[in-house]
Amino acid sequence: MGISQQRLGSTIQRELAHIVNNVIKNGRVGNISITEAKVTKDLSFCYVYYTILSEDQEIIELTNTLLENNNKEIRMKLAEKIRNVRKIPELIFKYDEALAYGNRIETLLKEIKK
């Protein structure tokens, strides 16, 4: 019996929340929050959405580069934590723009209120 794609996604999200910040230790980036992990139907890929506190485009690009460069190590540590899956999906990291979008809307609403 296999693991469902939703359950695997939530397990990956929970485990990556700890793993990513242990692997990526960069003072400029700060804390990386994993907001969602979506696993494809064939369980071969996992889209991992993350966010950081900074809205600076340079730091967002640095974070993406660090995640891509350390993808193999992150995946290996994930495989150590998740034992009930035959093959750990390939991780594809994507910046989650929802938080930045929400902050932008809030700023605009405050400006309108003035």
N, C-alpha and C. Protein backbone atom coordinates (compact mmCIF):
# COMPACT_ATOMS: atom_id res chain seq x y z
N MET A 1 0.84 -1.19 0.00
CA MET A 1 0.00 0.00 0.00
C MET A 1 0.88 1.24 0.00
N GLY A 2 0.64 2.15 -0.92
CA GLY A 2 1.45 3.35 -1.04
C GLY A 2 0.91 4.50 -0.22
N ILE A 3 1.68 5.52 -0.15
CA ILE A 3 1.30 6.71 0.58
C ILE A 3 0.60 7.67 -0.39
N SER A 4 -0.45 8.35 0.06
CA SER A 4 -1.18 9.25 -0.82
C SER A 4 -0.36 10.50 -1.10
N GLN A 5 -0.67 11.15 -2.22
CA GLN A 5 0.12 12.31 -2.61
C GLN A 5 -0.08 13.48 -1.64
N GLN A 6 -1.28 13.66 -1.08
CA GLN A 6 -1.50 14.73 -0.11
C GLN A 6 -0.74 14.47 1.19
N ARG A 7 -0.79 13.23 1.65
CA ARG A 7 -0.10 12.89 2.89
C ARG A 7 1.41 13.03 2.73
N LEU A 8 1.92 12.59 1.57
CA LEU A 8 3.35 12.73 1.31
C LEU A 8 3.73 14.21 1.24
N GLY A 9 2.90 15.03 0.62
CA GLY A 9 3.17 16.46 0.53
C GLY A 9 3.24 17.12 1.89
N SER A 10 2.30 16.79 2.76
CA SER A 10 2.30 17.39 4.10
C SER A 10 3.48 16.88 4.93
N THR A 11 3.86 15.62 4.75
CA THR A 11 5.02 15.08 5.46
C THR A 11 6.31 15.76 4.99
N ILE A 12 6.43 15.93 3.68
CA ILE A 12 7.61 16.61 3.13
C ILE A 12 7.67 18.05 3.62
N GLN A 13 6.54 18.74 3.63
CA GLN A 13 6.50 20.12 4.10
C GLN A 13 6.97 20.22 5.56
N ARG A 14 6.46 19.33 6.39
CA ARG A 14 6.80 19.34 7.82
C ARG A 14 8.29 19.08 8.03
N GLU A 15 8.84 18.08 7.32
CA GLU A 15 10.24 17.72 7.50
C GLU A 15 11.17 18.79 6.91
N LEU A 16 10.80 19.33 5.75
CA LEU A 16 11.65 20.34 5.11
C LEU A 16 11.74 21.62 5.93
N ALA A 17 10.71 21.92 6.71
CA ALA A 17 10.74 23.12 7.55
C ALA A 17 11.97 23.11 8.46
N HIS A 18 12.35 21.93 8.94
CA HIS A 18 13.52 21.82 9.81
C HIS A 18 14.81 21.67 8.99
N ILE A 19 14.77 20.84 7.97
CA ILE A 19 15.96 20.50 7.19
C ILE A 19 16.53 21.71 6.47
N VAL A 20 15.67 22.48 5.79
CA VAL A 20 16.14 23.60 4.96
C VAL A 20 16.93 24.61 5.78
N ASN A 21 16.44 24.98 6.95
CA ASN A 21 17.13 25.98 7.75
C ASN A 21 18.41 25.44 8.40
N ASN A 22 18.51 24.12 8.55
CA ASN A 22 19.76 23.54 9.05
C ASN A 22 20.82 23.49 7.96
N VAL A 23 20.41 23.24 6.72
CA VAL A 23 21.35 23.15 5.61
C VAL A 23 21.76 24.55 5.13
N ILE A 24 20.79 25.43 4.97
CA ILE A 24 21.05 26.79 4.49
C ILE A 24 21.28 27.70 5.69
N LYS A 25 22.51 27.97 5.96
CA LYS A 25 22.85 28.87 7.07
C LYS A 25 23.55 30.09 6.49
N ASN A 26 22.72 31.06 6.08
CA ASN A 26 23.24 32.28 5.49
C ASN A 26 22.60 33.44 6.22
N GLY A 27 23.41 34.31 6.77
CA GLY A 27 22.91 35.44 7.56
C GLY A 27 22.06 36.41 6.76
N ARG A 28 22.34 36.56 5.48
CA ARG A 28 21.58 37.49 4.65
C ARG A 28 20.17 36.97 4.38
N VAL A 29 20.04 35.66 4.25
CA VAL A 29 18.74 35.06 3.91
C VAL A 29 17.83 35.02 5.13
N GLY A 30 18.35 34.62 6.26
CA GLY A 30 17.52 34.49 7.45
C GLY A 30 16.74 33.19 7.44
N ASN A 31 15.54 33.22 7.99
CA ASN A 31 14.72 32.02 8.12
C ASN A 31 13.90 31.80 6.85
N ILE A 32 13.91 30.56 6.37
CA ILE A 32 13.12 30.18 5.19
C ILE A 32 11.91 29.39 5.69
N SER A 33 10.73 29.85 5.30
CA SER A 33 9.49 29.15 5.69
C SER A 33 8.96 28.37 4.50
N ILE A 34 8.67 27.10 4.73
CA ILE A 34 8.06 26.26 3.69
C ILE A 34 6.55 26.43 3.82
N THR A 35 5.92 27.00 2.78
CA THR A 35 4.49 27.27 2.86
C THR A 35 3.64 26.13 2.31
N GLU A 36 4.18 25.37 1.34
CA GLU A 36 3.40 24.29 0.76
C GLU A 36 4.32 23.33 0.01
N ALA A 37 3.91 22.09 -0.04
CA ALA A 37 4.62 21.08 -0.84
C ALA A 37 3.57 20.29 -1.62
N LYS A 38 3.62 20.38 -2.95
CA LYS A 38 2.66 19.68 -3.80
C LYS A 38 3.39 18.57 -4.56
N VAL A 39 2.92 17.36 -4.39
CA VAL A 39 3.52 16.20 -5.03
C VAL A 39 2.70 15.86 -6.28
N THR A 40 3.38 15.55 -7.37
CA THR A 40 2.68 15.17 -8.60
C THR A 40 2.02 13.80 -8.41
N LYS A 41 1.09 13.46 -9.30
CA LYS A 41 0.33 12.21 -9.17
C LYS A 41 1.21 10.97 -9.20
N ASP A 42 2.27 11.01 -10.00
CA ASP A 42 3.16 9.85 -10.08
C ASP A 42 4.23 9.84 -8.97
N LEU A 43 4.15 10.81 -8.05
CA LEU A 43 5.05 10.92 -6.89
C LEU A 43 6.52 11.08 -7.28
N SER A 44 6.80 11.59 -8.48
CA SER A 44 8.19 11.72 -8.89
C SER A 44 8.73 13.14 -8.69
N PHE A 45 7.84 14.14 -8.59
CA PHE A 45 8.27 15.52 -8.38
C PHE A 45 7.49 16.12 -7.23
N CYS A 46 8.13 17.05 -6.54
CA CYS A 46 7.47 17.78 -5.46
C CYS A 46 7.81 19.25 -5.62
N TYR A 47 6.78 20.06 -5.81
CA TYR A 47 6.96 21.50 -5.89
C TYR A 47 6.90 22.05 -4.47
N VAL A 48 8.00 22.62 -4.03
CA VAL A 48 8.12 23.13 -2.67
C VAL A 48 8.08 24.65 -2.72
N TYR A 49 7.04 25.23 -2.13
CA TYR A 49 6.88 26.68 -2.12
C TYR A 49 7.42 27.21 -0.80
N TYR A 50 8.24 28.26 -0.90
CA TYR A 50 8.86 28.83 0.29
C TYR A 50 8.71 30.34 0.28
N THR A 51 8.91 30.93 1.44
CA THR A 51 8.91 32.39 1.56
C THR A 51 9.97 32.79 2.57
N ILE A 52 10.41 34.03 2.43
CA ILE A 52 11.36 34.61 3.39
C ILE A 52 10.81 35.98 3.80
N LEU A 53 11.35 36.54 4.87
CA LEU A 53 10.83 37.80 5.37
C LEU A 53 11.20 38.99 4.49
N SER A 54 12.30 38.91 3.79
CA SER A 54 12.76 40.01 2.96
C SER A 54 12.01 40.05 1.63
N GLU A 55 11.72 41.26 1.16
CA GLU A 55 11.11 41.43 -0.15
C GLU A 55 12.13 41.90 -1.18
N ASP A 56 13.40 41.99 -0.77
CA ASP A 56 14.48 42.41 -1.66
C ASP A 56 14.72 41.32 -2.71
N GLN A 57 14.62 41.71 -3.99
CA GLN A 57 14.73 40.74 -5.09
C GLN A 57 16.08 40.04 -5.08
N GLU A 58 17.14 40.74 -4.70
CA GLU A 58 18.48 40.15 -4.66
C GLU A 58 18.56 39.01 -3.64
N ILE A 59 17.96 39.20 -2.49
CA ILE A 59 17.97 38.18 -1.44
C ILE A 59 17.08 37.01 -1.83
N ILE A 60 15.97 37.27 -2.51
CA ILE A 60 15.10 36.20 -3.00
C ILE A 60 15.85 35.33 -4.00
N GLU A 61 16.61 35.96 -4.90
CA GLU A 61 17.40 35.21 -5.89
C GLU A 61 18.52 34.43 -5.21
N LEU A 62 19.15 35.04 -4.19
CA LEU A 62 20.20 34.35 -3.44
C LEU A 62 19.63 33.11 -2.75
N THR A 63 18.45 33.24 -2.16
CA THR A 63 17.80 32.11 -1.50
C THR A 63 17.52 31.00 -2.50
N ASN A 64 17.00 31.36 -3.66
CA ASN A 64 16.70 30.37 -4.69
C ASN A 64 17.97 29.66 -5.14
N THR A 65 19.05 30.41 -5.32
CA THR A 65 20.33 29.82 -5.72
C THR A 65 20.84 28.86 -4.65
N LEU A 66 20.76 29.26 -3.38
CA LEU A 66 21.21 28.40 -2.28
C LEU A 66 20.39 27.11 -2.22
N LEU A 67 19.10 27.23 -2.41
CA LEU A 67 18.24 26.04 -2.37
C LEU A 67 18.57 25.10 -3.53
N GLU A 68 18.76 25.66 -4.71
CA GLU A 68 19.09 24.82 -5.88
C GLU A 68 20.45 24.16 -5.72
N ASN A 69 21.43 24.90 -5.21
CA ASN A 69 22.78 24.35 -5.04
C ASN A 69 22.83 23.26 -3.97
N ASN A 70 21.96 23.34 -2.98
CA ASN A 70 21.94 22.37 -1.89
C ASN A 70 20.80 21.38 -2.01
N ASN A 71 20.18 21.33 -3.18
CA ASN A 71 19.02 20.46 -3.41
C ASN A 71 19.33 19.00 -3.11
N LYS A 72 20.47 18.54 -3.57
CA LYS A 72 20.84 17.13 -3.38
C LYS A 72 20.99 16.79 -1.89
N GLU A 73 21.67 17.67 -1.15
CA GLU A 73 21.87 17.43 0.29
C GLU A 73 20.53 17.47 1.03
N ILE A 74 19.67 18.43 0.66
CA ILE A 74 18.36 18.54 1.30
C ILE A 74 17.55 17.27 1.03
N ARG A 75 17.59 16.79 -0.19
CA ARG A 75 16.84 15.58 -0.57
C ARG A 75 17.36 14.35 0.17
N MET A 76 18.69 14.26 0.34
CA MET A 76 19.27 13.13 1.07
C MET A 76 18.84 13.15 2.54
N LYS A 77 18.84 14.33 3.15
CA LYS A 77 18.41 14.43 4.55
C LYS A 77 16.92 14.13 4.68
N LEU A 78 16.15 14.50 3.67
CA LEU A 78 14.73 14.19 3.66
C LEU A 78 14.51 12.69 3.58
N ALA A 79 15.31 12.01 2.78
CA ALA A 79 15.21 10.55 2.63
C ALA A 79 15.52 9.85 3.95
N GLU A 80 16.42 10.43 4.75
CA GLU A 80 16.73 9.85 6.07
C GLU A 80 15.53 9.95 7.01
N LYS A 81 14.75 11.03 6.86
CA LYS A 81 13.61 11.26 7.76
C LYS A 81 12.36 10.49 7.34
N ILE A 82 12.14 10.38 6.02
CA ILE A 82 10.94 9.71 5.52
C ILE A 82 11.33 8.33 5.04
N ARG A 83 10.96 7.33 5.79
CA ARG A 83 11.37 5.96 5.49
C ARG A 83 10.31 5.13 4.76
N ASN A 84 9.04 5.56 4.81
CA ASN A 84 7.97 4.73 4.26
C ASN A 84 7.68 5.01 2.78
N VAL A 85 8.62 5.64 2.08
CA VAL A 85 8.47 5.93 0.66
C VAL A 85 9.62 5.27 -0.09
N ARG A 86 9.28 4.60 -1.16
CA ARG A 86 10.30 3.89 -1.93
C ARG A 86 11.31 4.85 -2.57
N LYS A 87 10.80 5.94 -3.14
CA LYS A 87 11.65 6.92 -3.82
C LYS A 87 11.22 8.32 -3.42
N ILE A 88 12.17 9.12 -2.96
CA ILE A 88 11.88 10.50 -2.59
C ILE A 88 11.75 11.32 -3.89
N PRO A 89 10.68 12.11 -4.02
CA PRO A 89 10.50 12.89 -5.25
C PRO A 89 11.60 13.93 -5.44
N GLU A 90 11.83 14.30 -6.70
CA GLU A 90 12.73 15.40 -7.02
C GLU A 90 12.11 16.67 -6.46
N LEU A 91 12.92 17.52 -5.81
CA LEU A 91 12.41 18.74 -5.21
C LEU A 91 12.60 19.91 -6.16
N ILE A 92 11.53 20.64 -6.40
CA ILE A 92 11.58 21.83 -7.23
C ILE A 92 11.14 22.99 -6.36
N PHE A 93 12.08 23.89 -6.04
CA PHE A 93 11.79 25.00 -5.15
C PHE A 93 11.26 26.20 -5.93
N LYS A 94 10.17 26.79 -5.40
CA LYS A 94 9.56 27.96 -6.02
C LYS A 94 9.25 28.98 -4.93
N TYR A 95 9.55 30.23 -5.21
CA TYR A 95 9.25 31.30 -4.27
C TYR A 95 7.75 31.55 -4.24
N ASP A 96 7.17 31.57 -3.06
CA ASP A 96 5.74 31.81 -2.88
C ASP A 96 5.51 33.31 -2.74
N GLU A 97 4.88 33.89 -3.74
CA GLU A 97 4.71 35.35 -3.77
C GLU A 97 3.45 35.81 -3.04
N ALA A 98 2.71 34.91 -2.44
CA ALA A 98 1.45 35.26 -1.78
C ALA A 98 1.66 36.23 -0.62
N LEU A 99 2.70 36.03 0.18
CA LEU A 99 2.96 36.91 1.32
C LEU A 99 3.33 38.31 0.84
N ALA A 100 4.20 38.39 -0.15
CA ALA A 100 4.60 39.70 -0.69
C ALA A 100 3.39 40.40 -1.31
N TYR A 101 2.55 39.65 -1.99
CA TYR A 101 1.35 40.21 -2.61
C TYR A 101 0.40 40.75 -1.53
N GLY A 102 0.23 40.00 -0.47
CA GLY A 102 -0.62 40.44 0.64
C GLY A 102 -0.08 41.70 1.30
N ASN A 103 1.23 41.76 1.48
CA ASN A 103 1.85 42.97 2.07
C ASN A 103 1.65 44.17 1.16
N ARG A 104 1.76 43.97 -0.14
CA ARG A 104 1.57 45.06 -1.11
C ARG A 104 0.13 45.57 -1.04
N ILE A 105 -0.84 44.68 -0.98
CA ILE A 105 -2.25 45.07 -0.88
C ILE A 105 -2.49 45.86 0.40
N GLU A 106 -1.91 45.37 1.50
CA GLU A 106 -2.08 46.05 2.79
C GLU A 106 -1.50 47.46 2.75
N THR A 107 -0.33 47.62 2.12
CA THR A 107 0.29 48.93 1.98
C THR A 107 -0.59 49.86 1.16
N LEU A 108 -1.13 49.33 0.07
CA LEU A 108 -2.01 50.16 -0.77
C LEU A 108 -3.27 50.58 -0.02
N LEU A 109 -3.83 49.66 0.76
CA LEU A 109 -5.04 50.01 1.53
C LEU A 109 -4.74 51.07 2.59
N LYS A 110 -3.57 51.01 3.21
CA LYS A 110 -3.19 52.03 4.19
C LYS A 110 -3.02 53.38 3.52
N GLU A 111 -2.45 53.39 2.30
CA GLU A 111 -2.28 54.64 1.58
C GLU A 111 -3.64 55.24 1.20
N ILE A 112 -4.58 54.41 0.80
CA ILE A 112 -5.91 54.88 0.43
C ILE A 112 -6.63 55.45 1.65
N LYS A 113 -6.42 54.80 2.79
CA LYS A 113 -7.09 55.22 4.04
C LYS A 113 -6.64 56.62 4.45
N LYS A 114 -5.38 56.98 4.14
CA LYS A 114 -4.87 58.31 4.50
C LYS A 114 -5.55 59.32 3.66
